[in-house]
C-alpha atoms as a PDB file:
ATOM      1  CA  MET A   1      89.830  45.831  97.743  1.00  0.00           C
ATOM      2  CA  GLU A   2      89.032  46.062 101.490  1.00  0.00           C
ATOM      3  CA  SER A   3      89.736  49.772 102.003  1.00  0.00           C
ATOM      4  CA  ILE A   4      90.751  52.980 100.234  1.00  0.00           C
ATOM      5  CA  THR A   5      92.733  55.977 101.407  1.00  0.00           C
ATOM      6  CA  LEU A   6      91.438  59.433 100.374  1.00  0.00           C
ATOM      7  CA  LYS A   7      92.018  63.098 101.076  1.00  0.00           C
ATOM      8  CA  CYS A   8      88.869  64.622 102.525  1.00  0.00           C
ATOM      9  CA  PRO A   9      88.190  68.297 103.283  1.00  0.00           C
ATOM     10  CA  ILE A  10      87.918  69.762 106.746  1.00  0.00           C
ATOM     11  CA  THR A  11      86.228  73.159 107.140  1.00  0.00           C
ATOM     12  CA  ILE A  12      87.818  75.439 109.702  1.00  0.00           C
ATOM     13  CA  LYS A  13      85.289  77.665 111.425  1.00  0.00           C
ATOM     14  CA  ALA A  14      85.821  80.284 114.102  1.00  0.00           C
ATOM     15  CA  LYS A  15      83.426  81.518 116.762  1.00  0.00           C
ATOM     16  CA  VAL A  16      83.236  85.310 116.567  1.00  0.00           C
ATOM     17  CA  THR A  17      84.627  86.982 119.669  1.00  0.00           C
ATOM     18  CA  GLU A  18      85.650  90.593 120.313  1.00  0.00           C
ATOM     19  CA  ASP A  19      89.287  89.529 119.983  1.00  0.00           C
ATOM     20  CA  LEU A  20      88.677  87.871 116.590  1.00  0.00           C
ATOM     21  CA  LYS A  21      86.791  90.940 115.336  1.00  0.00           C
ATOM     22  CA  GLN A  22      89.673  93.145 116.408  1.00  0.00           C
ATOM     23  CA  ARG A  23      92.300  90.922 114.708  1.00  0.00           C
ATOM     24  CA  LEU A  24      90.262  90.692 111.501  1.00  0.00           C
ATOM     25  CA  THR A  25      89.719  94.451 111.476  1.00  0.00           C
ATOM     26  CA  ALA A  26      93.418  95.111 112.067  1.00  0.00           C
ATOM     27  CA  ASP A  27      94.407  92.758 109.221  1.00  0.00           C
ATOM     28  CA  ILE A  28      91.954  94.369 106.816  1.00  0.00           C
ATOM     29  CA  GLN A  29      93.068  97.838 107.847  1.00  0.00           C
ATOM     30  CA  GLU A  30      96.698  96.833 107.251  1.00  0.00           C
ATOM     31  CA  ASN A  31      95.786  95.685 103.736  1.00  0.00           C
ATOM     32  CA  ILE A  32      94.006  98.959 103.069  1.00  0.00           C
ATOM     33  CA  ASN A  33      97.045 100.952 104.283  1.00  0.00           C
ATOM     34  CA  ARG A  34      99.377  98.855 102.134  1.00  0.00           C
ATOM     35  CA  VAL A  35      97.287  99.352  98.999  1.00  0.00           C
ATOM     36  CA  ASP A  36      97.060 103.112  99.686  1.00  0.00           C
ATOM     37  CA  MET A  37     100.870 103.230  99.759  1.00  0.00           C
ATOM     38  CA  GLU A  38     101.028 101.251  96.519  1.00  0.00           C
ATOM     39  CA  LEU A  39      98.625 103.696  94.880  1.00  0.00           C
ATOM     40  CA  GLN A  40     100.838 106.571  95.981  1.00  0.00           C
ATOM     41  CA  GLN A  41     103.905 104.851  94.564  1.00  0.00           C
ATOM     42  CA  ILE A  42     102.125 104.207  91.275  1.00  0.00           C
ATOM     43  CA  ALA A  43     101.146 107.858  91.017  1.00  0.00           C
ATOM     44  CA  PHE A  44     104.688 109.017  91.788  1.00  0.00           C
ATOM     45  CA  GLN A  45     106.425 106.496  89.481  1.00  0.00           C
ATOM     46  CA  SER A  46     103.945 106.885  86.599  1.00  0.00           C
ATOM     47  CA  LYS A  47     104.839 110.611  86.155  1.00  0.00           C
ATOM     48  CA  ARG A  48     108.514 109.723  85.850  1.00  0.00           C
ATOM     49  CA  MET A  49     107.833 106.780  83.552  1.00  0.00           C
ATOM     50  CA  MET A  50     105.581 108.872  81.293  1.00  0.00           C
ATOM     51  CA  GLU A  51     108.272 111.578  81.026  1.00  0.00           C
ATOM     52  CA  GLU A  52     110.949 108.987  80.159  1.00  0.00           C
ATOM     53  CA  GLN A  53     108.703 107.330  77.583  1.00  0.00           C
ATOM     54  CA  ALA A  54     107.888 110.706  75.981  1.00  0.00           C
ATOM     55  CA  GLN A  55     111.595 111.348  75.492  1.00  0.00           C
ATOM     56  CA  VAL A  56     112.329 107.882  74.114  1.00  0.00           C
ATOM     57  CA  ASP A  57     109.250 107.165  72.002  1.00  0.00           C
ATOM     58  CA  ALA A  58     106.052 109.206  72.266  1.00  0.00           C
ATOM     59  CA  GLN A  59     104.114 106.542  70.364  1.00  0.00           C
ATOM     60  CA  GLY A  60     104.498 104.199  73.332  1.00  0.00           C
ATOM     61  CA  LEU A  61     102.722 106.622  75.679  1.00  0.00           C
ATOM     62  CA  PRO A  62      99.145 105.225  75.173  1.00  0.00           C
ATOM     63  CA  ALA A  63     100.313 101.654  75.905  1.00  0.00           C
ATOM     64  CA  LEU A  64     102.236 102.777  78.991  1.00  0.00           C
ATOM     65  CA  ARG A  65      99.246 104.827  80.199  1.00  0.00           C
ATOM     66  CA  GLN A  66      96.978 101.802  79.709  1.00  0.00           C
ATOM     67  CA  HIS A  67      99.359  99.612  81.688  1.00  0.00           C
ATOM     68  CA  ILE A  68      99.603 102.122  84.507  1.00  0.00           C
ATOM     69  CA  ASP A  69      95.821 102.601  84.602  1.00  0.00           C
ATOM     70  CA  GLY A  70      95.342  98.812  84.733  1.00  0.00           C
ATOM     71  CA  GLU A  71      97.732  98.464  87.667  1.00  0.00           C
ATOM     72  CA  ASN A  72      96.048 101.364  89.442  1.00  0.00           C
ATOM     73  CA  GLN A  73      92.622  99.843  88.858  1.00  0.00           C
ATOM     74  CA  LYS A  74      93.699  96.510  90.343  1.00  0.00           C
ATOM     75  CA  ARG A  75      94.649  98.306  93.552  1.00  0.00           C
ATOM     76  CA  VAL A  76      91.435 100.358  93.616  1.00  0.00           C
ATOM     77  CA  ASP A  77      89.345  97.196  93.130  1.00  0.00           C
ATOM     78  CA  PHE A  78      91.269  95.437  95.926  1.00  0.00           C
ATOM     79  CA  LYS A  79      90.775  98.411  98.230  1.00  0.00           C
ATOM     80  CA  ASN A  80      87.060  98.417  97.523  1.00  0.00           C
ATOM     81  CA  GLN A  81      86.923  94.700  98.355  1.00  0.00           C
ATOM     82  CA  MET A  82      88.741  95.333 101.615  1.00  0.00           C
ATOM     83  CA  MET A  83      86.426  98.222 102.504  1.00  0.00           C
ATOM     84  CA  ALA A  84      83.419  95.930 101.956  1.00  0.00           C
ATOM     85  CA  LYS A  85      85.043  93.186 104.028  1.00  0.00           C
ATOM     86  CA  LEU A  86      85.735  95.729 106.790  1.00  0.00           C
ATOM     87  CA  LYS A  87      82.062  96.652 106.904  1.00  0.00           C
ATOM     88  CA  GLU A  88      81.077  92.940 106.975  1.00  0.00           C
ATOM     89  CA  THR A  89      83.541  92.315 109.845  1.00  0.00           C
ATOM     90  CA  GLU A  90      82.131  95.193 111.876  1.00  0.00           C
ATOM     91  CA  GLU A  91      78.632  93.723 111.500  1.00  0.00           C
ATOM     92  CA  LEU A  92      79.614  90.216 112.696  1.00  0.00           C
ATOM     93  CA  GLU A  93      77.651  89.134 115.746  1.00  0.00           C
ATOM     94  CA  ILE A  94      79.511  87.813 118.767  1.00  0.00           C
ATOM     95  CA  GLY A  95      79.009  84.041 119.004  1.00  0.00           C
ATOM     96  CA  ALA A  96      78.345  83.563 115.300  1.00  0.00           C
ATOM     97  CA  GLU A  97      80.493  81.105 113.383  1.00  0.00           C
ATOM     98  CA  ILE A  98      82.464  82.090 110.277  1.00  0.00           C
ATOM     99  CA  VAL A  99      84.482  79.980 107.856  1.00  0.00           C
ATOM    100  CA  GLN A 100      88.158  80.713 108.074  1.00  0.00           C
ATOM    101  CA  GLY A 101      89.524  78.184 105.635  1.00  0.00           C
ATOM    102  CA  ASN A 102      89.898  74.547 104.695  1.00  0.00           C
ATOM    103  CA  LEU A 103      92.376  71.783 105.381  1.00  0.00           C
ATOM    104  CA  GLU A 104      92.572  68.242 104.160  1.00  0.00           C
ATOM    105  CA  GLN A 105      92.693  65.031 106.122  1.00  0.00           C
ATOM    106  CA  ILE A 106      93.778  61.630 104.927  1.00  0.00           C
ATOM    107  CA  VAL A 107      91.294  58.957 105.813  1.00  0.00           C
ATOM    108  CA  THR A 108      91.086  55.256 105.192  1.00  0.00           C
ATOM    109  CA  LEU A 109      87.556  54.144 104.317  1.00  0.00           C
ATOM    110  CA  LYS A 110      86.161  50.651 104.444  1.00  0.00           C
ATOM    111  CA  VAL A 111      83.024  49.179 102.948  1.00  0.00           C
ATOM    112  CA  GLY A 112      80.085  50.320 105.046  1.00  0.00           C
ATOM    113  CA  ASP A 113      81.624  53.635 106.216  1.00  0.00           C
ATOM    114  CA  ASP A 114      79.529  56.795 105.786  1.00  0.00           C
ATOM    115  CA  LEU A 115      81.371  58.975 103.300  1.00  0.00           C
ATOM    116  CA  HIS A 116      79.258  62.015 104.126  1.00  0.00           C
ATOM    117  CA  GLU A 117      80.559  61.884 107.696  1.00  0.00           C
ATOM    118  CA  PHE A 118      84.106  62.347 106.460  1.00  0.00           C
ATOM    119  CA  MET A 119      83.190  64.931 103.790  1.00  0.00           C
ATOM    120  CA  SER A 120      81.461  67.246 106.276  1.00  0.00           C
ATOM    121  CA  ALA A 121      84.134  67.365 108.955  1.00  0.00           C
ATOM    122  CA  GLU A 122      84.634  70.698 110.716  1.00  0.00           C
ATOM    123  CA  ILE A 123      86.950  72.105 113.348  1.00  0.00           C
ATOM    124  CA  LEU A 124      85.555  74.937 115.477  1.00  0.00           C
ATOM    125  CA  LEU A 125      87.980  77.471 116.966  1.00  0.00           C
ATOM    126  CA  GLU A 126      87.512  80.114 119.597  1.00  0.00           C
ATOM    127  CA  ASP A 127      90.329  82.692 119.774  1.00  0.00           C
ATOM    128  CA  GLY A 128      92.627  80.272 117.973  1.00  0.00           C
ATOM    129  CA  LYS A 129      91.914  77.257 120.242  1.00  0.00           C
ATOM    130  CA  ILE A 130      90.056  74.174 119.125  1.00  0.00           C
ATOM    131  CA  ILE A 131      86.805  73.857 120.978  1.00  0.00           C
ATOM    132  CA  ALA A 132      85.026  71.211 118.886  1.00  0.00           C
ATOM    133  CA  PHE A 133      85.361  68.627 116.146  1.00  0.00           C
ATOM    134  CA  ARG A 134      82.190  68.104 114.129  1.00  0.00           C
ATOM    135  CA  ASN A 135      81.113  65.520 111.592  1.00  0.00           C
END
């Protein structure tokens, strides 16, 4: 076998700019607002559901309450994660580099190629534009 074709990871990094911080903050704030609305909906709907369950079968109330509390807790946990992420975002230094995700590239390797070169590939962005490819 003379060569082999593989999928190798590419790390996508972004250089922190004021614009990036503002976009990240806005996205996080949008998620917080969305989860706040979901928490309000759960509170509103849970009252109605509990009343309906009490009329149909009062023995099902503890299970329903447990389900509602679980759904509520998922949202509260997510909101807490977003609040922590918001604080981290506010503390980012301009010019620092942050990981934004990963992609895959398909490469053909031959005997003698340096695998580490392909496995450590990065793309650096600044305000959404590619400014560097790194190996």
